[in-house]
N, C-alpha and C. Protein backbone atom coordinates (compact mmCIF):
# COMPACT_ATOMS: atom_id res chain seq x y z
N MET A 1 -20.15 -13.91 -11.61
CA MET A 1 -19.99 -13.76 -10.18
C MET A 1 -19.16 -12.52 -9.85
N ALA A 2 -18.21 -12.18 -10.70
CA ALA A 2 -17.38 -11.02 -10.41
C ALA A 2 -18.16 -9.72 -10.57
N SER A 3 -19.10 -9.70 -11.51
CA SER A 3 -19.85 -8.46 -11.72
C SER A 3 -20.79 -8.20 -10.55
N SER A 4 -21.32 -9.23 -9.92
CA SER A 4 -22.23 -9.03 -8.79
C SER A 4 -21.48 -8.54 -7.56
N SER A 5 -20.24 -9.02 -7.36
CA SER A 5 -19.49 -8.60 -6.18
C SER A 5 -18.98 -7.17 -6.33
N THR A 6 -18.70 -6.74 -7.56
CA THR A 6 -18.22 -5.37 -7.73
C THR A 6 -19.36 -4.37 -7.82
N GLY A 7 -20.55 -4.82 -8.07
CA GLY A 7 -21.68 -3.90 -8.22
C GLY A 7 -22.11 -3.30 -6.90
N SER A 8 -23.03 -3.93 -6.20
CA SER A 8 -23.55 -3.39 -4.95
C SER A 8 -22.97 -4.12 -3.75
N GLY A 9 -21.89 -4.85 -3.93
CA GLY A 9 -21.32 -5.61 -2.84
C GLY A 9 -20.27 -4.86 -2.05
N SER A 10 -20.20 -3.53 -2.18
CA SER A 10 -19.20 -2.78 -1.44
C SER A 10 -19.56 -2.75 0.04
N ALA A 11 -18.53 -2.87 0.88
CA ALA A 11 -18.77 -2.97 2.32
C ALA A 11 -19.16 -1.62 2.91
N PHE A 12 -18.58 -0.52 2.41
CA PHE A 12 -18.83 0.80 2.98
C PHE A 12 -19.40 1.72 1.91
N PRO A 13 -20.40 2.51 2.23
CA PRO A 13 -20.89 3.52 1.29
C PRO A 13 -19.87 4.64 1.13
N PRO A 14 -19.95 5.43 0.07
CA PRO A 14 -18.96 6.49 -0.16
C PRO A 14 -18.88 7.50 0.96
N SER A 15 -19.98 7.74 1.70
CA SER A 15 -19.94 8.71 2.79
C SER A 15 -19.01 8.26 3.90
N GLU A 16 -18.97 6.96 4.19
CA GLU A 16 -18.08 6.45 5.22
C GLU A 16 -16.65 6.32 4.72
N TRP A 17 -16.47 6.27 3.41
CA TRP A 17 -15.12 6.16 2.85
C TRP A 17 -14.37 7.48 2.96
N ASN A 18 -15.09 8.61 2.95
CA ASN A 18 -14.42 9.91 2.94
C ASN A 18 -13.82 10.25 4.30
N THR A 19 -14.42 9.80 5.37
CA THR A 19 -13.93 10.19 6.69
C THR A 19 -12.59 9.55 7.04
N PRO A 20 -12.41 8.23 6.97
CA PRO A 20 -11.12 7.67 7.38
C PRO A 20 -10.06 7.70 6.29
N SER A 21 -10.34 8.37 5.17
CA SER A 21 -9.39 8.35 4.06
C SER A 21 -8.10 9.08 4.41
N ARG A 22 -8.19 10.15 5.22
CA ARG A 22 -6.97 10.89 5.58
C ARG A 22 -6.08 10.05 6.48
N VAL A 23 -6.66 9.37 7.45
CA VAL A 23 -5.88 8.53 8.34
C VAL A 23 -5.28 7.36 7.56
N TYR A 24 -6.05 6.84 6.62
CA TYR A 24 -5.57 5.69 5.84
C TYR A 24 -4.41 6.10 4.94
N THR A 25 -4.48 7.30 4.36
CA THR A 25 -3.40 7.73 3.49
C THR A 25 -2.13 7.99 4.29
N ARG A 26 -2.26 8.45 5.54
CA ARG A 26 -1.07 8.65 6.37
C ARG A 26 -0.39 7.32 6.66
N SER A 27 -1.16 6.34 7.08
CA SER A 27 -0.57 5.04 7.38
C SER A 27 -0.06 4.37 6.11
N GLN A 28 -0.75 4.64 5.00
CA GLN A 28 -0.31 4.05 3.73
C GLN A 28 1.01 4.68 3.28
N SER A 29 1.14 6.00 3.47
CA SER A 29 2.39 6.66 3.08
C SER A 29 3.54 6.20 3.96
N MET A 30 3.26 5.98 5.25
CA MET A 30 4.31 5.46 6.13
C MET A 30 4.72 4.05 5.70
N ALA A 31 3.76 3.25 5.28
CA ALA A 31 4.07 1.90 4.82
C ALA A 31 4.87 1.95 3.53
N PHE A 32 4.54 2.88 2.64
CA PHE A 32 5.30 3.01 1.39
C PHE A 32 6.72 3.48 1.65
N LEU A 33 6.88 4.42 2.60
CA LEU A 33 8.23 4.88 2.93
C LEU A 33 9.05 3.75 3.54
N ARG A 34 8.44 2.98 4.43
CA ARG A 34 9.15 1.87 5.06
C ARG A 34 9.53 0.82 4.03
N ALA A 35 8.62 0.53 3.11
CA ALA A 35 8.91 -0.45 2.06
C ALA A 35 10.00 0.06 1.13
N GLY A 36 10.00 1.35 0.84
CA GLY A 36 11.03 1.92 -0.01
C GLY A 36 12.41 1.85 0.63
N VAL A 37 12.48 2.14 1.93
CA VAL A 37 13.75 2.06 2.64
C VAL A 37 14.25 0.63 2.68
N ILE A 38 13.36 -0.30 2.94
CA ILE A 38 13.75 -1.71 2.97
C ILE A 38 14.23 -2.16 1.60
N ALA A 39 13.54 -1.73 0.54
CA ALA A 39 13.95 -2.10 -0.81
C ALA A 39 15.32 -1.52 -1.15
N LEU A 40 15.58 -0.27 -0.75
CA LEU A 40 16.88 0.33 -1.02
C LEU A 40 17.99 -0.39 -0.26
N VAL A 41 17.74 -0.76 0.97
CA VAL A 41 18.74 -1.50 1.76
C VAL A 41 19.03 -2.85 1.13
N LEU A 42 17.97 -3.54 0.71
CA LEU A 42 18.17 -4.85 0.08
C LEU A 42 18.89 -4.72 -1.25
N LEU A 43 18.59 -3.68 -2.01
CA LEU A 43 19.30 -3.47 -3.27
C LEU A 43 20.78 -3.16 -3.02
N GLY A 44 21.07 -2.39 -1.98
CA GLY A 44 22.46 -2.10 -1.64
C GLY A 44 23.21 -3.36 -1.25
N ILE A 45 22.59 -4.20 -0.45
CA ILE A 45 23.22 -5.48 -0.06
C ILE A 45 23.45 -6.36 -1.27
N LEU A 46 22.44 -6.41 -2.15
CA LEU A 46 22.58 -7.22 -3.36
C LEU A 46 23.70 -6.69 -4.26
N ALA A 47 23.81 -5.36 -4.36
CA ALA A 47 24.88 -4.77 -5.17
C ALA A 47 26.26 -5.09 -4.58
N LEU A 48 26.37 -5.07 -3.25
CA LEU A 48 27.64 -5.42 -2.62
C LEU A 48 27.99 -6.88 -2.86
N ILE A 49 27.00 -7.76 -2.83
CA ILE A 49 27.26 -9.18 -3.06
C ILE A 49 27.69 -9.41 -4.51
N VAL A 50 27.03 -8.72 -5.44
CA VAL A 50 27.35 -8.93 -6.85
C VAL A 50 28.70 -8.34 -7.21
N LEU A 51 29.01 -7.16 -6.67
CA LEU A 51 30.26 -6.48 -7.06
C LEU A 51 31.48 -7.08 -6.39
N THR A 52 31.34 -7.79 -5.27
CA THR A 52 32.52 -8.33 -4.61
C THR A 52 32.75 -9.78 -4.98
């Protein structure tokens, strides 16, 4: 069942994948930056809890 879904079961052809890829990478990079900042803040809080 997994081989049939990965074969021709793609929702978008490659031609439609190329157009929104730039917009998707911008939003993805913003999400990665936000997640990185949140992770650093949480690590800082955790370090303060452990060290005190």
